[in-house]
N, C-alpha and C. Protein backbone atom coordinates (compact mmCIF):
# COMPACT_ATOMS: atom_id res chain seq x y z
N MET A 1 81.49 52.58 124.56
CA MET A 1 82.31 51.82 124.22
C MET A 1 80.78 50.90 123.48
N SER A 2 80.66 51.80 122.43
CA SER A 2 80.17 50.46 121.34
C SER A 2 80.64 50.51 119.66
N ASN A 3 80.34 49.00 119.52
CA ASN A 3 81.70 48.94 118.69
C ASN A 3 80.55 47.22 117.91
N ASP A 4 80.14 48.72 116.13
CA ASP A 4 79.07 48.26 115.71
C ASP A 4 79.82 46.63 113.93
N ASN A 5 80.79 47.15 114.69
CA ASN A 5 81.42 45.48 113.88
C ASN A 5 81.66 44.75 115.16
N GLN A 6 81.19 43.89 115.04
CA GLN A 6 81.16 42.18 116.18
C GLN A 6 81.45 41.42 115.56
N GLY A 7 82.39 41.09 114.17
CA GLY A 7 82.54 40.07 113.66
C GLY A 7 81.35 39.89 113.01
N GLY A 8 80.17 40.84 112.58
CA GLY A 8 78.79 40.23 111.92
C GLY A 8 79.21 40.55 110.24
N THR A 9 78.28 40.25 109.45
CA THR A 9 78.56 39.81 108.29
C THR A 9 78.64 41.53 107.73
N THR A 10 78.58 41.63 106.74
CA THR A 10 78.66 42.88 105.90
C THR A 10 77.46 43.12 104.84
N THR A 11 77.26 44.07 104.12
CA THR A 11 75.60 44.13 103.65
C THR A 11 76.32 43.13 101.92
N LEU A 12 77.41 43.66 101.84
CA LEU A 12 77.83 43.27 100.35
C LEU A 12 77.85 41.57 101.06
N LYS A 13 79.00 41.08 101.48
CA LYS A 13 79.13 40.46 101.53
C LYS A 13 77.92 39.12 101.48
N LEU A 14 76.82 39.17 102.08
CA LEU A 14 75.77 38.82 102.11
C LEU A 14 75.16 38.59 101.10
N VAL A 15 75.30 39.81 100.07
CA VAL A 15 74.80 40.20 98.72
C VAL A 15 75.00 39.07 98.31
N LEU A 16 76.43 38.96 98.45
CA LEU A 16 77.47 38.08 97.57
C LEU A 16 76.73 36.83 97.35
N ALA A 17 77.43 36.65 98.47
CA ALA A 17 76.79 35.13 99.17
C ALA A 17 75.42 34.68 98.71
N TRP A 18 74.88 35.16 98.74
CA TRP A 18 72.83 34.73 98.41
C TRP A 18 73.20 35.03 96.97
N GLY A 19 73.51 35.60 96.34
CA GLY A 19 73.98 35.76 94.51
C GLY A 19 74.78 33.70 94.35
N PHE A 20 76.02 34.03 95.18
CA PHE A 20 76.65 32.77 94.80
C PHE A 20 75.56 31.20 94.60
N VAL A 21 74.85 31.18 95.84
CA VAL A 21 73.90 30.28 96.13
C VAL A 21 72.63 30.70 94.91
N GLY A 22 72.38 31.76 94.99
CA GLY A 22 71.06 31.90 94.12
C GLY A 22 71.20 31.92 92.50
N ILE A 23 71.31 32.71 92.64
CA ILE A 23 71.89 32.75 90.42
C ILE A 23 71.90 30.80 89.76
N PRO A 24 72.96 29.97 90.43
CA PRO A 24 72.93 28.75 89.97
C PRO A 24 71.63 27.83 90.50
N LEU A 25 71.15 28.21 91.42
CA LEU A 25 69.37 27.59 91.62
C LEU A 25 68.97 28.01 91.01
N VAL A 26 68.26 29.96 90.85
CA VAL A 26 67.33 29.80 89.33
C VAL A 26 67.58 29.17 88.28
N TRP A 27 68.88 29.21 87.76
CA TRP A 27 69.67 28.83 86.55
C TRP A 27 68.75 27.24 86.58
N GLY A 28 68.96 26.53 87.57
CA GLY A 28 68.48 25.37 87.23
C GLY A 28 66.98 24.91 86.80
N VAL A 29 66.75 25.69 88.40
CA VAL A 29 65.01 25.25 88.31
C VAL A 29 63.99 25.66 86.86
N LEU A 30 64.98 27.15 85.73
CA LEU A 30 64.60 27.48 84.89
C LEU A 30 64.85 26.38 83.68
N GLN A 31 66.24 25.45 83.77
CA GLN A 31 66.57 24.54 82.90
C GLN A 31 65.37 22.87 82.88
N THR A 32 65.28 22.93 84.47
CA THR A 32 64.42 21.84 84.96
C THR A 32 63.02 22.57 84.07
N LEU A 33 62.60 22.93 84.57
CA LEU A 33 61.21 23.96 84.32
C LEU A 33 61.29 23.75 82.27
N SER A 34 62.19 24.20 82.03
CA SER A 34 61.82 24.42 80.43
C SER A 34 62.29 22.21 79.89
N ASN A 35 62.69 21.98 80.53
CA ASN A 35 62.77 20.51 80.17
C ASN A 35 61.94 20.07 80.29
N ALA A 36 60.80 20.46 81.66
CA ALA A 36 59.24 19.68 82.41
C ALA A 36 58.58 20.51 80.57
N MET A 37 58.73 20.88 80.18
CA MET A 37 57.06 22.07 79.35
C MET A 37 57.32 21.06 78.47
N LYS A 38 58.82 20.93 77.50
CA LYS A 38 58.60 19.34 76.86
C LYS A 38 57.83 17.63 76.66
N LEU A 39 57.66 17.79 77.60
CA LEU A 39 57.42 16.77 77.59
C LEU A 39 55.87 17.18 77.81
N PHE A 40 54.85 17.89 78.10
CA PHE A 40 53.68 18.69 78.05
C PHE A 40 53.62 18.88 76.36
N GLN A 41 54.15 18.69 75.60
CA GLN A 41 54.03 19.69 74.41
C GLN A 41 53.96 18.45 73.71
């Protein structure tokens, strides 16, 4: 009576969720660093 899928998230959903949040986050950090470097040149 073992049920492996007990309403948990799948690996694909987890990767998509992290990508949905992580990609814009990394983009924003890179843009911030790029603009900050302009102040020190």
